[in-house]
Amino acid sequence: MNKRKRPITAGHVIFEVFFILSYPFIAAFSVAVTVLVWIFSLPSRLIALFSRK
C-alpha cells in the first residue's frame, strides 16, 4: 500500500477544487480568442479573396 509523502491539507484541497473549476473558464477564453482572431482576420481574407481574381 502506497503512503503519501505529503499530507492532504485544506490548501491542497482548495487548490485542487479551483484547478478543476478553472477548466470551463480556460475553454471559454480559448473560444473567445479563437472567435476574435477569426473576426479580425476576416477583412484580410476577403481582400486576399478578391485580389486573387
N, C-alpha and C. Protein backbone atom coordinates (compact mmCIF):
# COMPACT_ATOMS: atom_id res chain seq x y z
N MET A 1 0.84 -1.18 0.00
CA MET A 1 0.00 0.00 0.00
C MET A 1 0.89 1.24 0.00
N ASN A 2 0.64 2.16 -0.94
CA ASN A 2 1.45 3.37 -1.04
C ASN A 2 1.05 4.39 0.01
N LYS A 3 2.06 4.99 0.62
CA LYS A 3 1.81 6.07 1.57
C LYS A 3 2.12 7.39 0.90
N ARG A 4 1.27 8.38 1.14
CA ARG A 4 1.51 9.71 0.59
C ARG A 4 2.65 10.35 1.37
N LYS A 5 3.57 10.99 0.63
CA LYS A 5 4.70 11.64 1.28
C LYS A 5 4.27 12.94 1.96
N ARG A 6 3.29 13.64 1.34
CA ARG A 6 2.80 14.88 1.92
C ARG A 6 1.36 14.69 2.37
N PRO A 7 1.02 15.18 3.54
CA PRO A 7 -0.36 15.02 3.99
C PRO A 7 -1.31 15.94 3.20
N ILE A 8 -2.54 15.52 3.13
CA ILE A 8 -3.55 16.33 2.45
C ILE A 8 -3.95 17.46 3.40
N THR A 9 -3.79 18.69 2.91
CA THR A 9 -4.12 19.85 3.73
C THR A 9 -5.32 20.56 3.12
N ALA A 10 -5.86 21.51 3.86
CA ALA A 10 -7.00 22.29 3.36
C ALA A 10 -6.58 23.09 2.13
N GLY A 11 -5.37 23.63 2.14
CA GLY A 11 -4.88 24.38 0.99
C GLY A 11 -4.77 23.52 -0.24
N HIS A 12 -4.33 22.28 -0.06
CA HIS A 12 -4.22 21.36 -1.18
C HIS A 12 -5.59 21.06 -1.77
N VAL A 13 -6.58 20.85 -0.92
CA VAL A 13 -7.93 20.55 -1.38
C VAL A 13 -8.51 21.76 -2.12
N ILE A 14 -8.31 22.96 -1.56
CA ILE A 14 -8.81 24.18 -2.21
C ILE A 14 -8.15 24.37 -3.57
N PHE A 15 -6.85 24.13 -3.64
CA PHE A 15 -6.15 24.24 -4.93
C PHE A 15 -6.71 23.26 -5.94
N GLU A 16 -6.94 22.04 -5.55
CA GLU A 16 -7.48 21.03 -6.47
C GLU A 16 -8.87 21.42 -6.96
N VAL A 17 -9.70 21.94 -6.07
CA VAL A 17 -11.05 22.35 -6.46
C VAL A 17 -10.98 23.50 -7.46
N PHE A 18 -10.17 24.53 -7.17
CA PHE A 18 -10.03 25.65 -8.09
C PHE A 18 -9.42 25.20 -9.42
N PHE A 19 -8.50 24.28 -9.36
CA PHE A 19 -7.87 23.77 -10.58
C PHE A 19 -8.91 23.09 -11.47
N ILE A 20 -9.78 22.30 -10.88
CA ILE A 20 -10.82 21.62 -11.64
C ILE A 20 -11.84 22.62 -12.16
N LEU A 21 -12.22 23.60 -11.34
CA LEU A 21 -13.22 24.58 -11.75
C LEU A 21 -12.69 25.55 -12.80
N SER A 22 -11.39 25.64 -12.96
CA SER A 22 -10.83 26.60 -13.92
C SER A 22 -10.95 26.10 -15.36
N TYR A 23 -11.17 24.82 -15.56
CA TYR A 23 -11.22 24.29 -16.92
C TYR A 23 -12.29 24.95 -17.79
N PRO A 24 -13.53 25.14 -17.31
CA PRO A 24 -14.51 25.82 -18.18
C PRO A 24 -14.10 27.24 -18.53
N PHE A 25 -13.47 27.96 -17.61
CA PHE A 25 -13.03 29.32 -17.89
C PHE A 25 -11.91 29.33 -18.93
N ILE A 26 -11.01 28.37 -18.84
CA ILE A 26 -9.94 28.27 -19.84
C ILE A 26 -10.54 27.94 -21.21
N ALA A 27 -11.53 27.06 -21.25
CA ALA A 27 -12.17 26.71 -22.51
C ALA A 27 -12.92 27.91 -23.09
N ALA A 28 -13.63 28.65 -22.24
CA ALA A 28 -14.36 29.84 -22.72
C ALA A 28 -13.39 30.89 -23.25
N PHE A 29 -12.27 31.08 -22.56
CA PHE A 29 -11.27 32.04 -23.01
C PHE A 29 -10.70 31.61 -24.36
N SER A 30 -10.43 30.33 -24.52
CA SER A 30 -9.90 29.83 -25.79
C SER A 30 -10.88 30.05 -26.93
N VAL A 31 -12.16 29.80 -26.68
CA VAL A 31 -13.18 30.01 -27.70
C VAL A 31 -13.27 31.49 -28.05
N ALA A 32 -13.25 32.36 -27.03
CA ALA A 32 -13.35 33.80 -27.27
C ALA A 32 -12.17 34.30 -28.10
N VAL A 33 -10.97 33.85 -27.78
CA VAL A 33 -9.79 34.28 -28.54
C VAL A 33 -9.87 33.76 -29.97
N THR A 34 -10.30 32.53 -30.16
CA THR A 34 -10.43 31.97 -31.49
C THR A 34 -11.44 32.76 -32.33
N VAL A 35 -12.57 33.10 -31.73
CA VAL A 35 -13.59 33.87 -32.45
C VAL A 35 -13.08 35.27 -32.79
N LEU A 36 -12.40 35.91 -31.85
CA LEU A 36 -11.86 37.24 -32.11
C LEU A 36 -10.82 37.22 -33.22
N VAL A 37 -9.95 36.23 -33.20
CA VAL A 37 -8.94 36.12 -34.26
C VAL A 37 -9.63 35.89 -35.60
N TRP A 38 -10.66 35.05 -35.62
CA TRP A 38 -11.38 34.80 -36.87
C TRP A 38 -12.05 36.07 -37.37
N ILE A 39 -12.67 36.84 -36.47
CA ILE A 39 -13.36 38.08 -36.87
C ILE A 39 -12.35 39.10 -37.40
N PHE A 40 -11.23 39.27 -36.69
CA PHE A 40 -10.26 40.27 -37.11
C PHE A 40 -9.49 39.86 -38.36
N SER A 41 -9.43 38.57 -38.65
CA SER A 41 -8.74 38.14 -39.86
C SER A 41 -9.67 38.09 -41.07
N LEU A 42 -10.96 38.26 -40.85
CA LEU A 42 -11.92 38.21 -41.95
C LEU A 42 -11.67 39.28 -43.01
N PRO A 43 -11.41 40.55 -42.66
CA PRO A 43 -11.14 41.53 -43.72
C PRO A 43 -9.94 41.16 -44.59
N SER A 44 -8.87 40.69 -43.99
CA SER A 44 -7.71 40.34 -44.79
C SER A 44 -8.00 39.12 -45.67
N ARG A 45 -8.81 38.21 -45.19
CA ARG A 45 -9.19 37.07 -46.01
C ARG A 45 -10.02 37.52 -47.21
N LEU A 46 -10.94 38.47 -46.98
CA LEU A 46 -11.76 38.98 -48.09
C LEU A 46 -10.89 39.72 -49.10
N ILE A 47 -9.94 40.52 -48.62
CA ILE A 47 -9.04 41.23 -49.53
C ILE A 47 -8.24 40.23 -50.36
N ALA A 48 -7.74 39.19 -49.71
CA ALA A 48 -6.98 38.17 -50.42
C ALA A 48 -7.85 37.44 -51.44
N LEU A 49 -9.10 37.20 -51.08
CA LEU A 49 -10.01 36.50 -51.98
C LEU A 49 -10.27 37.34 -53.23
N PHE A 50 -10.54 38.63 -53.06
CA PHE A 50 -10.87 39.47 -54.21
C PHE A 50 -9.64 39.87 -55.00
N SER A 51 -8.48 39.88 -54.38
CA SER A 51 -7.28 40.27 -55.12
C SER A 51 -6.75 39.11 -55.98
N ARG A 52 -7.19 37.90 -55.70
CA ARG A 52 -6.75 36.76 -56.49
C ARG A 52 -7.36 36.78 -57.88
N LYS A 53 -8.52 37.36 -58.01
CA LYS A 53 -9.23 37.32 -59.31
C LYS A 53 -8.70 38.32 -60.28
